[in-house]
């Protein structure tokens, strides 16, 4: 999954006075939170989801979105 990290994407400003690095980090955090929420719904309540699992799913999602939007 090389070359698909949010840090390597084109930088853009969100128009709210935040530089692109902070905006990308904010977007990445929102993606991670959303992934965690979806994963929690898929598993029983007593299951713990590691940070590594969430990060791996995030990379898979970024890869998938990249693949779909390029084709």
Protein backbone atom coordinates (compact mmCIF):
# COMPACT_ATOMS: atom_id res chain seq x y z
CA UNK A 1 0.00 0.00 0.00
CA UNK A 2 2.88 2.25 -0.71
CA UNK A 3 2.27 5.77 -1.89
CA UNK A 4 -1.31 5.91 -0.66
CA UNK A 5 -0.90 7.52 2.73
CA UNK A 6 -2.88 10.70 3.34
CA UNK A 7 0.40 12.55 3.83
CA UNK A 8 1.32 11.88 0.19
CA UNK A 9 -1.97 13.12 -1.23
CA UNK A 10 -2.23 16.54 -2.78
CA UNK A 11 -2.45 19.25 -0.19
CA UNK A 12 -5.48 21.46 -0.07
CA UNK A 13 -6.89 24.00 2.30
CA UNK A 14 -10.29 23.46 3.84
CA UNK A 15 -10.88 27.21 3.89
CA UNK A 16 -11.02 27.39 7.67
CA UNK A 17 -7.60 28.87 8.34
CA UNK A 18 -6.04 25.48 9.09
CA UNK A 19 -2.95 24.54 7.09
CA UNK A 20 -3.18 21.47 4.86
CA UNK A 21 -1.12 19.26 7.19
CA UNK A 22 -3.50 19.87 10.09
CA UNK A 23 -6.50 19.42 7.80
CA UNK A 24 -5.18 16.09 6.52
CA UNK A 25 -4.51 14.91 10.07
CA UNK A 26 -8.04 15.95 11.04
CA UNK A 27 -9.48 14.05 8.05
CA UNK A 28 -7.42 11.00 8.94
CA UNK A 29 -8.66 11.13 12.54
CA UNK A 30 -12.27 11.37 11.39
CA UNK A 31 -11.73 8.36 9.13
CA UNK A 32 -10.23 6.37 12.01
CA UNK A 33 -13.14 7.27 14.31
CA UNK A 34 -15.65 6.22 11.66
CA UNK A 35 -13.82 2.95 11.06
CA UNK A 36 -13.80 2.21 14.78
CA UNK A 37 -17.53 2.89 15.02
CA UNK A 38 -18.31 0.57 12.10
CA UNK A 39 -16.04 -2.16 13.47
CA UNK A 40 -17.66 -1.94 16.93
CA UNK A 41 -21.08 -2.47 15.34
CA UNK A 42 -19.84 -5.59 13.55
CA UNK A 43 -18.46 -7.30 16.68
CA UNK A 44 -19.99 -8.25 20.02
CA UNK A 45 -19.78 -5.59 22.76
CA UNK A 46 -17.09 -7.41 24.75
CA UNK A 47 -14.59 -7.48 21.85
CA UNK A 48 -11.65 -5.07 22.00
CA UNK A 49 -10.37 -3.68 18.70
CA UNK A 50 -6.69 -2.81 18.62
CA UNK A 51 -5.30 0.40 17.20
CA UNK A 52 -3.31 -1.70 14.72
CA UNK A 53 -6.51 -3.33 13.42
CA UNK A 54 -8.12 0.08 12.91
CA UNK A 55 -4.99 1.39 11.17
CA UNK A 56 -4.89 -1.67 8.91
CA UNK A 57 -8.55 -1.23 7.97
CA UNK A 58 -7.89 2.45 7.27
CA UNK A 59 -5.08 1.56 4.87
CA UNK A 60 -7.34 -1.00 3.15
CA UNK A 61 -10.10 1.59 2.77
CA UNK A 62 -7.69 4.17 1.37
CA UNK A 63 -6.39 1.56 -1.10
CA UNK A 64 -9.93 0.61 -2.13
CA UNK A 65 -11.06 4.22 -2.61
CA UNK A 66 -7.92 4.96 -4.58
CA UNK A 67 -8.48 1.91 -6.79
CA UNK A 68 -12.14 2.75 -7.43
CA UNK A 69 -11.56 6.43 -8.18
CA UNK A 70 -8.65 5.78 -10.55
CA UNK A 71 -10.54 3.29 -12.73
